[in-house]
All heavy atoms as atom14 arrays in JSON, in Angstrom:
{
  "sequence": "GGGAPEVELSLALRDYADSVGGREQLAIEAFADALEVIPRTLA",
  "atom14_mask": [
    [1, 1, 1, 1, 0, 0, 0, 0, 0, 0, 0, 0, 0, 0],
    [1, 1, 1, 1, 0, 0, 0, 0, 0, 0, 0, 0, 0, 0],
    [1, 1, 1, 1, 0, 0, 0, 0, 0, 0, 0, 0, 0, 0],
    [1, 1, 1, 1, 1, 0, 0, 0, 0, 0, 0, 0, 0, 0],
    [1, 1, 1, 1, 1, 1, 1, 0, 0, 0, 0, 0, 0, 0],
    [1, 1, 1, 1, 1, 1, 1, 1, 1, 0, 0, 0, 0, 0],
    [1, 1, 1, 1, 1, 1, 1, 0, 0, 0, 0, 0, 0, 0],
    [1, 1, 1, 1, 1, 1, 1, 1, 1, 0, 0, 0, 0, 0],
    [1, 1, 1, 1, 1, 1, 1, 1, 0, 0, 0, 0, 0, 0],
    [1, 1, 1, 1, 1, 1, 0, 0, 0, 0, 0, 0, 0, 0],
    [1, 1, 1, 1, 1, 1, 1, 1, 0, 0, 0, 0, 0, 0],
    [1, 1, 1, 1, 1, 0, 0, 0, 0, 0, 0, 0, 0, 0],
    [1, 1, 1, 1, 1, 1, 1, 1, 0, 0, 0, 0, 0, 0],
    [1, 1, 1, 1, 1, 1, 1, 1, 1, 1, 1, 0, 0, 0],
    [1, 1, 1, 1, 1, 1, 1, 1, 0, 0, 0, 0, 0, 0],
    [1, 1, 1, 1, 1, 1, 1, 1, 1, 1, 1, 1, 0, 0],
    [1, 1, 1, 1, 1, 0, 0, 0, 0, 0, 0, 0, 0, 0],
    [1, 1, 1, 1, 1, 1, 1, 1, 0, 0, 0, 0, 0, 0],
    [1, 1, 1, 1, 1, 1, 0, 0, 0, 0, 0, 0, 0, 0],
    [1, 1, 1, 1, 1, 1, 1, 0, 0, 0, 0, 0, 0, 0],
    [1, 1, 1, 1, 0, 0, 0, 0, 0, 0, 0, 0, 0, 0],
    [1, 1, 1, 1, 0, 0, 0, 0, 0, 0, 0, 0, 0, 0],
    [1, 1, 1, 1, 1, 1, 1, 1, 1, 1, 1, 0, 0, 0],
    [1, 1, 1, 1, 1, 1, 1, 1, 1, 0, 0, 0, 0, 0],
    [1, 1, 1, 1, 1, 1, 1, 1, 1, 0, 0, 0, 0, 0],
    [1, 1, 1, 1, 1, 1, 1, 1, 0, 0, 0, 0, 0, 0],
    [1, 1, 1, 1, 1, 0, 0, 0, 0, 0, 0, 0, 0, 0],
    [1, 1, 1, 1, 1, 1, 1, 1, 0, 0, 0, 0, 0, 0],
    [1, 1, 1, 1, 1, 1, 1, 1, 1, 0, 0, 0, 0, 0],
    [1, 1, 1, 1, 1, 0, 0, 0, 0, 0, 0, 0, 0, 0],
    [1, 1, 1, 1, 1, 1, 1, 1, 1, 1, 1, 0, 0, 0],
    [1, 1, 1, 1, 1, 0, 0, 0, 0, 0, 0, 0, 0, 0],
    [1, 1, 1, 1, 1, 1, 1, 1, 0, 0, 0, 0, 0, 0],
    [1, 1, 1, 1, 1, 0, 0, 0, 0, 0, 0, 0, 0, 0],
    [1, 1, 1, 1, 1, 1, 1, 1, 0, 0, 0, 0, 0, 0],
    [1, 1, 1, 1, 1, 1, 1, 1, 1, 0, 0, 0, 0, 0],
    [1, 1, 1, 1, 1, 1, 1, 0, 0, 0, 0, 0, 0, 0],
    [1, 1, 1, 1, 1, 1, 1, 1, 0, 0, 0, 0, 0, 0],
    [1, 1, 1, 1, 1, 1, 1, 0, 0, 0, 0, 0, 0, 0],
    [1, 1, 1, 1, 1, 1, 1, 1, 1, 1, 1, 0, 0, 0],
    [1, 1, 1, 1, 1, 1, 1, 0, 0, 0, 0, 0, 0, 0],
    [1, 1, 1, 1, 1, 1, 1, 1, 0, 0, 0, 0, 0, 0],
    [1, 1, 1, 1, 1, 0, 0, 0, 0, 0, 0, 0, 0, 0]
  ],
  "atom14_positions": [
    [[-19.12, -77.13, -9.84], [-17.79, -77.44, -10.37], [-17.89, -78.27, -11.64], [-18.89, -78.2, -12.36], [0.0, 0.0, 0.0], [0.0, 0.0, 0.0], [0.0, 0.0, 0.0], [0.0, 0.0, 0.0], [0.0, 0.0, 0.0], [0.0, 0.0, 0.0], [0.0, 0.0, 0.0], [0.0, 0.0, 0.0], [0.0, 0.0, 0.0], [0.0, 0.0, 0.0]],
    [[-16.86, -79.06, -11.9], [-16.89, -79.97, -13.04], [-16.91, -79.29, -14.39], [-17.42, -79.85, -15.37], [0.0, 0.0, 0.0], [0.0, 0.0, 0.0], [0.0, 0.0, 0.0], [0.0, 0.0, 0.0], [0.0, 0.0, 0.0], [0.0, 0.0, 0.0], [0.0, 0.0, 0.0], [0.0, 0.0, 0.0], [0.0, 0.0, 0.0], [0.0, 0.0, 0.0]],
    [[-16.4, -78.07, -14.51], [-16.39, -77.36, -15.78], [-17.69, -76.65, -16.11], [-17.8, -75.99, -17.15], [0.0, 0.0, 0.0], [0.0, 0.0, 0.0], [0.0, 0.0, 0.0], [0.0, 0.0, 0.0], [0.0, 0.0, 0.0], [0.0, 0.0, 0.0], [0.0, 0.0, 0.0], [0.0, 0.0, 0.0], [0.0, 0.0, 0.0], [0.0, 0.0, 0.0]],
    [[-18.69, -76.75, -15.24], [-20.0, -76.14, -15.51], [-19.92, -74.61, -15.67], [-20.46, -74.07, -16.64], [-20.99, -76.52, -14.41], [0.0, 0.0, 0.0], [0.0, 0.0, 0.0], [0.0, 0.0, 0.0], [0.0, 0.0, 0.0], [0.0, 0.0, 0.0], [0.0, 0.0, 0.0], [0.0, 0.0, 0.0], [0.0, 0.0, 0.0], [0.0, 0.0, 0.0]],
    [[-19.29, -73.87, -14.75], [-19.29, -72.41, -14.91], [-18.55, -71.95, -16.16], [-18.96, -70.98, -16.8], [-18.61, -71.9, -13.64], [-17.93, -73.07, -13.04], [-18.64, -74.28, -13.5], [0.0, 0.0, 0.0], [0.0, 0.0, 0.0], [0.0, 0.0, 0.0], [0.0, 0.0, 0.0], [0.0, 0.0, 0.0], [0.0, 0.0, 0.0], [0.0, 0.0, 0.0]],
    [[-17.49, -72.67, -16.55], [-16.72, -72.26, -17.73], [-17.55, -72.39, -19.01], [-17.51, -71.53, -19.89], [-15.43, -73.1, -17.84], [-14.35, -72.73, -16.85], [-14.54, -73.33, -15.46], [-15.43, -74.2, -15.31], [-13.8, -72.96, -14.54], [0.0, 0.0, 0.0], [0.0, 0.0, 0.0], [0.0, 0.0, 0.0], [0.0, 0.0, 0.0], [0.0, 0.0, 0.0]],
    [[-18.31, -73.49, -19.11], [-19.15, -73.66, -20.3], [-20.25, -72.61, -20.33], [-20.56, -72.04, -21.38], [-19.76, -75.09, -20.33], [-20.68, -75.25, -21.53], [-18.65, -76.14, -20.38], [0.0, 0.0, 0.0], [0.0, 0.0, 0.0], [0.0, 0.0, 0.0], [0.0, 0.0, 0.0], [0.0, 0.0, 0.0], [0.0, 0.0, 0.0], [0.0, 0.0, 0.0]],
    [[-20.85, -72.33, -19.17], [-21.9, -71.31, -19.09], [-21.35, -69.94, -19.46], [-21.99, -69.17, -20.2], [-22.49, -71.29, -17.68], [-23.67, -70.36, -17.5], [-24.91, -70.81, -18.26], [-25.03, -72.02, -18.57], [-25.76, -69.94, -18.54], [0.0, 0.0, 0.0], [0.0, 0.0, 0.0], [0.0, 0.0, 0.0], [0.0, 0.0, 0.0], [0.0, 0.0, 0.0]],
    [[-20.14, -69.62, -18.97], [-19.51, -68.34, -19.29], [-19.2, -68.25, -20.78], [-19.37, -67.2, -21.41], [-18.22, -68.17, -18.49], [-18.36, -67.91, -16.99], [-16.99, -67.85, -16.33], [-19.11, -66.61, -16.73], [0.0, 0.0, 0.0], [0.0, 0.0, 0.0], [0.0, 0.0, 0.0], [0.0, 0.0, 0.0], [0.0, 0.0, 0.0], [0.0, 0.0, 0.0]],
    [[-18.73, -69.35, -21.34], [-18.38, -69.37, -22.75], [-19.59, -69.04, -23.63], [-19.51, -68.23, -24.55], [-17.81, -70.75, -23.12], [-17.43, -70.8, -24.47], [0.0, 0.0, 0.0], [0.0, 0.0, 0.0], [0.0, 0.0, 0.0], [0.0, 0.0, 0.0], [0.0, 0.0, 0.0], [0.0, 0.0, 0.0], [0.0, 0.0, 0.0], [0.0, 0.0, 0.0]],
    [[-20.74, -69.66, -23.31], [-21.97, -69.39, -24.07], [-22.41, -67.93, -23.9], [-22.79, -67.26, -24.86], [-23.08, -70.33, -23.61], [-22.93, -71.81, -23.99], [-24.02, -72.64, -23.34], [-22.95, -71.99, -25.5], [0.0, 0.0, 0.0], [0.0, 0.0, 0.0], [0.0, 0.0, 0.0], [0.0, 0.0, 0.0], [0.0, 0.0, 0.0], [0.0, 0.0, 0.0]],
    [[-22.35, -67.44, -22.65], [-22.77, -66.07, -22.37], [-21.87, -65.06, -23.08], [-22.34, -64.04, -23.59], [-22.76, -65.82, -20.87], [0.0, 0.0, 0.0], [0.0, 0.0, 0.0], [0.0, 0.0, 0.0], [0.0, 0.0, 0.0], [0.0, 0.0, 0.0], [0.0, 0.0, 0.0], [0.0, 0.0, 0.0], [0.0, 0.0, 0.0], [0.0, 0.0, 0.0]],
    [[-20.57, -65.34, -23.14], [-19.63, -64.41, -23.78], [-19.79, -64.39, -25.29], [-19.59, -63.34, -25.93], [-18.18, -64.78, -23.41], [-17.75, -64.45, -21.98], [-16.36, -64.98, -21.69], [-17.8, -62.95, -21.74], [0.0, 0.0, 0.0], [0.0, 0.0, 0.0], [0.0, 0.0, 0.0], [0.0, 0.0, 0.0], [0.0, 0.0, 0.0], [0.0, 0.0, 0.0]],
    [[-20.16, -65.52, -25.89], [-20.4, -65.53, -27.34], [-21.62, -64.65, -27.68], [-21.62, -63.94, -28.68], [-20.59, -66.97, -27.83], [-19.29, -67.75, -27.88], [-19.42, -69.04, -28.68], [-18.15, -69.76, -28.62], [-17.86, -70.71, -27.73], [-18.79, -71.07, -26.85], [-16.68, -71.31, -27.73], [0.0, 0.0, 0.0], [0.0, 0.0, 0.0], [0.0, 0.0, 0.0]],
    [[-22.64, -64.74, -26.84], [-23.81, -63.87, -27.04], [-23.43, -62.4, -26.86], [-23.87, -61.53, -27.61], [-24.93, -64.23, -26.06], [-25.55, -65.58, -26.38], [-25.42, -66.04, -27.53], [-26.17, -66.18, -25.47], [0.0, 0.0, 0.0], [0.0, 0.0, 0.0], [0.0, 0.0, 0.0], [0.0, 0.0, 0.0], [0.0, 0.0, 0.0], [0.0, 0.0, 0.0]],
    [[-22.61, -62.15, -25.84], [-22.17, -60.79, -25.54], [-21.33, -60.22, -26.68], [-21.43, -59.04, -27.02], [-21.4, -60.79, -24.23], [-20.73, -59.48, -23.88], [-21.47, -58.33, -23.65], [-19.34, -59.4, -23.78], [-20.86, -57.12, -23.32], [-18.72, -58.21, -23.44], [-19.48, -57.08, -23.22], [-18.87, -55.89, -22.9], [0.0, 0.0, 0.0], [0.0, 0.0, 0.0]],
    [[-20.49, -61.09, -27.29], [-19.6, -60.64, -28.35], [-20.38, -60.07, -29.53], [-19.94, -59.11, -30.18], [-18.72, -61.8, -28.81], [0.0, 0.0, 0.0], [0.0, 0.0, 0.0], [0.0, 0.0, 0.0], [0.0, 0.0, 0.0], [0.0, 0.0, 0.0], [0.0, 0.0, 0.0], [0.0, 0.0, 0.0], [0.0, 0.0, 0.0], [0.0, 0.0, 0.0]],
    [[-21.55, -60.64, -29.79], [-22.37, -60.17, -30.92], [-22.83, -58.73, -30.72], [-23.1, -58.01, -31.69], [-23.6, -61.07, -31.11], [-23.2, -62.47, -31.56], [-22.1, -62.6, -32.13], [-23.99, -63.42, -31.35], [0.0, 0.0, 0.0], [0.0, 0.0, 0.0], [0.0, 0.0, 0.0], [0.0, 0.0, 0.0], [0.0, 0.0, 0.0], [0.0, 0.0, 0.0]],
    [[-22.93, -58.33, -29.45], [-23.4, -56.97, -29.16], [-22.27, -55.96, -29.1], [-22.5, -54.76, -28.93], [-24.15, -56.95, -27.82], [-23.25, -57.22, -26.75], [0.0, 0.0, 0.0], [0.0, 0.0, 0.0], [0.0, 0.0, 0.0], [0.0, 0.0, 0.0], [0.0, 0.0, 0.0], [0.0, 0.0, 0.0], [0.0, 0.0, 0.0], [0.0, 0.0, 0.0]],
    [[-21.03, -56.43, -29.23], [-19.86, -55.55, -29.16], [-19.36, -55.3, -30.58], [-19.1, -56.22, -31.32], [-18.74, -56.18, -28.31], [-17.5, -55.27, -28.33], [-19.21, -56.39, -26.88], [0.0, 0.0, 0.0], [0.0, 0.0, 0.0], [0.0, 0.0, 0.0], [0.0, 0.0, 0.0], [0.0, 0.0, 0.0], [0.0, 0.0, 0.0], [0.0, 0.0, 0.0]],
    [[-19.21, -54.07, -30.91], [-18.73, -53.75, -32.25], [-17.22, -53.8, -32.34], [-16.51, -53.9, -31.34], [0.0, 0.0, 0.0], [0.0, 0.0, 0.0], [0.0, 0.0, 0.0], [0.0, 0.0, 0.0], [0.0, 0.0, 0.0], [0.0, 0.0, 0.0], [0.0, 0.0, 0.0], [0.0, 0.0, 0.0], [0.0, 0.0, 0.0], [0.0, 0.0, 0.0]],
    [[-16.71, -53.7, -33.57], [-15.28, -53.62, -33.78], [-14.56, -54.94, -33.61], [-15.16, -55.99, -33.43], [0.0, 0.0, 0.0], [0.0, 0.0, 0.0], [0.0, 0.0, 0.0], [0.0, 0.0, 0.0], [0.0, 0.0, 0.0], [0.0, 0.0, 0.0], [0.0, 0.0, 0.0], [0.0, 0.0, 0.0], [0.0, 0.0, 0.0], [0.0, 0.0, 0.0]],
    [[-13.23, -54.85, -33.65], [-12.41, -56.05, -33.59], [-12.36, -56.66, -32.18], [-11.92, -57.8, -32.03], [-10.99, -55.73, -34.05], [-10.93, -55.31, -35.52], [-9.5, -55.2, -35.99], [-9.44, -54.97, -37.44], [-8.33, -55.11, -38.15], [-7.19, -55.45, -37.56], [-8.35, -54.87, -39.45], [0.0, 0.0, 0.0], [0.0, 0.0, 0.0], [0.0, 0.0, 0.0]],
    [[-12.78, -55.89, -31.17], [-12.83, -56.44, -29.82], [-13.72, -57.67, -29.76], [-13.53, -58.55, -28.91], [-13.34, -55.39, -28.83], [-12.32, -54.33, -28.45], [-12.29, -53.19, -29.45], [-13.04, -53.28, -30.46], [-11.51, -52.23, -29.25], [0.0, 0.0, 0.0], [0.0, 0.0, 0.0], [0.0, 0.0, 0.0], [0.0, 0.0, 0.0], [0.0, 0.0, 0.0]],
    [[-14.7, -57.73, -30.66], [-15.6, -58.88, -30.71], [-14.82, -60.17, -30.9], [-15.13, -61.2, -30.28], [-16.59, -58.69, -31.86], [-17.55, -59.87, -32.05], [-18.52, -59.64, -33.2], [-18.65, -58.52, -33.68], [-19.19, -60.68, -33.64], [0.0, 0.0, 0.0], [0.0, 0.0, 0.0], [0.0, 0.0, 0.0], [0.0, 0.0, 0.0], [0.0, 0.0, 0.0]],
    [[-13.79, -60.13, -31.73], [-12.97, -61.33, -31.99], [-12.23, -61.74, -30.72], [-12.07, -62.93, -30.43], [-11.98, -61.05, -33.11], [-12.58, -60.75, -34.48], [-11.5, -60.36, -35.47], [-13.37, -61.96, -35.0], [0.0, 0.0, 0.0], [0.0, 0.0, 0.0], [0.0, 0.0, 0.0], [0.0, 0.0, 0.0], [0.0, 0.0, 0.0], [0.0, 0.0, 0.0]],
    [[-11.76, -60.73, -29.95], [-11.04, -61.03, -28.71], [-11.97, -61.66, -27.68], [-11.59, -62.6, -26.96], [-10.41, -59.76, -28.14], [0.0, 0.0, 0.0], [0.0, 0.0, 0.0], [0.0, 0.0, 0.0], [0.0, 0.0, 0.0], [0.0, 0.0, 0.0], [0.0, 0.0, 0.0], [0.0, 0.0, 0.0], [0.0, 0.0, 0.0], [0.0, 0.0, 0.0]],
    [[-13.22, -61.16, -27.61], [-14.18, -61.72, -26.65], [-14.54, -63.15, -27.02], [-14.64, -64.03, -26.16], [-15.44, -60.83, -26.6], [-15.06, -59.45, -26.03], [-16.52, -61.47, -25.73], [-16.16, -58.41, -26.15], [0.0, 0.0, 0.0], [0.0, 0.0, 0.0], [0.0, 0.0, 0.0], [0.0, 0.0, 0.0], [0.0, 0.0, 0.0], [0.0, 0.0, 0.0]],
    [[-14.67, -63.42, -28.34], [-14.93, -64.8, -28.78], [-13.74, -65.7, -28.47], [-13.91, -66.86, -28.08], [-15.24, -64.81, -30.28], [-16.61, -64.21, -30.62], [-16.83, -64.08, -32.12], [-15.86, -64.3, -32.89], [-17.96, -63.76, -32.52], [0.0, 0.0, 0.0], [0.0, 0.0, 0.0], [0.0, 0.0, 0.0], [0.0, 0.0, 0.0], [0.0, 0.0, 0.0]],
    [[-12.54, -65.17, -28.62], [-11.34, -65.94, -28.28], [-11.31, -66.25, -26.78], [-10.91, -67.34, -26.36], [-10.09, -65.17, -28.68], [0.0, 0.0, 0.0], [0.0, 0.0, 0.0], [0.0, 0.0, 0.0], [0.0, 0.0, 0.0], [0.0, 0.0, 0.0], [0.0, 0.0, 0.0], [0.0, 0.0, 0.0], [0.0, 0.0, 0.0], [0.0, 0.0, 0.0]],
    [[-11.72, -65.28, -25.99], [-11.8, -65.46, -24.53], [-12.79, -66.58, -24.2], [-12.52, -67.44, -23.35], [-12.24, -64.14, -23.88], [-12.0, -64.06, -22.4], [-10.95, -63.32, -21.89], [-12.84, -64.71, -21.5], [-10.73, -63.22, -20.52], [-12.63, -64.63, -20.13], [-11.57, -63.88, -19.65], [0.0, 0.0, 0.0], [0.0, 0.0, 0.0], [0.0, 0.0, 0.0]],
    [[-13.94, -66.57, -24.89], [-14.95, -67.61, -24.67], [-14.39, -68.99, -25.01], [-14.6, -69.97, -24.28], [-16.19, -67.32, -25.5], [0.0, 0.0, 0.0], [0.0, 0.0, 0.0], [0.0, 0.0, 0.0], [0.0, 0.0, 0.0], [0.0, 0.0, 0.0], [0.0, 0.0, 0.0], [0.0, 0.0, 0.0], [0.0, 0.0, 0.0], [0.0, 0.0, 0.0]],
    [[-13.66, -69.07, -26.12], [-13.05, -70.34, -26.51], [-12.01, -70.79, -25.47], [-11.9, -71.98, -25.16], [-12.37, -70.21, -27.88], [-13.37, -70.01, -29.01], [-14.55, -70.39, -28.82], [-12.98, -69.5, -30.06], [0.0, 0.0, 0.0], [0.0, 0.0, 0.0], [0.0, 0.0, 0.0], [0.0, 0.0, 0.0], [0.0, 0.0, 0.0], [0.0, 0.0, 0.0]],
    [[-11.26, -69.81, -24.96], [-10.19, -70.14, -24.01], [-10.74, -70.74, -22.72], [-10.15, -71.66, -22.14], [-9.38, -68.88, -23.69], [0.0, 0.0, 0.0], [0.0, 0.0, 0.0], [0.0, 0.0, 0.0], [0.0, 0.0, 0.0], [0.0, 0.0, 0.0], [0.0, 0.0, 0.0], [0.0, 0.0, 0.0], [0.0, 0.0, 0.0], [0.0, 0.0, 0.0]],
    [[-11.89, -70.25, -22.26], [-12.46, -70.77, -21.01], [-12.82, -72.25, -21.12], [-12.81, -72.97, -20.12], [-13.7, -69.95, -20.63], [-13.46, -68.53, -20.12], [-14.78, -67.83, -19.85], [-12.59, -68.53, -18.87], [0.0, 0.0, 0.0], [0.0, 0.0, 0.0], [0.0, 0.0, 0.0], [0.0, 0.0, 0.0], [0.0, 0.0, 0.0], [0.0, 0.0, 0.0]],
    [[-13.12, -72.7, -22.32], [-13.5, -74.1, -22.5], [-12.32, -75.05, -22.34], [-12.5, -76.27, -22.39], [-14.16, -74.3, -23.86], [-15.56, -73.68, -23.94], [-16.27, -73.95, -25.25], [-15.58, -74.29, -26.23], [-17.51, -73.85, -25.29], [0.0, 0.0, 0.0], [0.0, 0.0, 0.0], [0.0, 0.0, 0.0], [0.0, 0.0, 0.0], [0.0, 0.0, 0.0]],
    [[-11.13, -74.49, -22.15], [-9.97, -75.36, -21.9], [-10.14, -76.15, -20.61], [-9.62, -77.27, -20.48], [-8.67, -74.53, -21.85], [-8.59, -73.69, -20.59], [-7.45, -75.43, -21.96], [0.0, 0.0, 0.0], [0.0, 0.0, 0.0], [0.0, 0.0, 0.0], [0.0, 0.0, 0.0], [0.0, 0.0, 0.0], [0.0, 0.0, 0.0], [0.0, 0.0, 0.0]],
    [[-10.9, -75.62, -19.65], [-11.07, -76.32, -18.37], [-11.87, -77.62, -18.54], [-11.37, -78.71, -18.21], [-11.73, -75.39, -17.31], [-10.83, -74.19, -17.02], [-12.01, -76.17, -16.02], [-9.48, -74.52, -16.43], [0.0, 0.0, 0.0], [0.0, 0.0, 0.0], [0.0, 0.0, 0.0], [0.0, 0.0, 0.0], [0.0, 0.0, 0.0], [0.0, 0.0, 0.0]],
    [[-13.13, -77.58, -19.09], [-13.82, -78.85, -19.29], [-13.1, -79.78, -20.28], [-13.12, -81.01, -20.11], [-15.2, -78.43, -19.83], [-15.06, -77.02, -20.27], [-13.98, -76.43, -19.43], [0.0, 0.0, 0.0], [0.0, 0.0, 0.0], [0.0, 0.0, 0.0], [0.0, 0.0, 0.0], [0.0, 0.0, 0.0], [0.0, 0.0, 0.0], [0.0, 0.0, 0.0]],
    [[-12.44, -79.18, -21.27], [-11.7, -80.02, -22.23], [-10.55, -80.76, -21.55], [-10.33, -81.95, -21.78], [-11.18, -79.14, -23.38], [-10.73, -79.93, -24.59], [-10.51, -79.05, -25.81], [-9.37, -78.16, -25.65], [-9.45, -76.85, -25.6], [-10.63, -76.26, -25.65], [-8.37, -76.12, -25.47], [0.0, 0.0, 0.0], [0.0, 0.0, 0.0], [0.0, 0.0, 0.0]],
    [[-9.84, -80.06, -20.67], [-8.73, -80.68, -19.95], [-9.23, -81.73, -18.96], [-8.61, -82.78, -18.8], [-7.9, -79.6, -19.21], [-7.45, -78.64, -20.15], [-6.72, -80.22, -18.5], [0.0, 0.0, 0.0], [0.0, 0.0, 0.0], [0.0, 0.0, 0.0], [0.0, 0.0, 0.0], [0.0, 0.0, 0.0], [0.0, 0.0, 0.0], [0.0, 0.0, 0.0]],
    [[-10.35, -81.45, -18.28], [-10.94, -82.44, -17.37], [-11.24, -83.74, -18.12], [-10.98, -84.84, -17.62], [-12.22, -81.9, -16.75], [-12.09, -80.76, -15.73], [-13.46, -80.24, -15.32], [-11.3, -81.21, -14.51], [0.0, 0.0, 0.0], [0.0, 0.0, 0.0], [0.0, 0.0, 0.0], [0.0, 0.0, 0.0], [0.0, 0.0, 0.0], [0.0, 0.0, 0.0]],
    [[-11.78, -83.61, -19.34], [-12.1, -84.79, -20.15], [-10.83, -85.52, -20.58], [-10.74, -86.75, -20.47], [-12.92, -84.37, -21.38], [0.0, 0.0, 0.0], [0.0, 0.0, 0.0], [0.0, 0.0, 0.0], [0.0, 0.0, 0.0], [0.0, 0.0, 0.0], [0.0, 0.0, 0.0], [0.0, 0.0, 0.0], [0.0, 0.0, 0.0], [0.0, 0.0, 0.0]]
  ]
}
């Protein structure tokens, strides 16, 4: 818990976004940023 899975997912999705072509890459990066709202809110 404690925001750990969200940060791990965020890092993994940024790496994944680089392998995705087209504008969907921007949406995946936005998704990664959005997940970090959990640890940010906890803080």
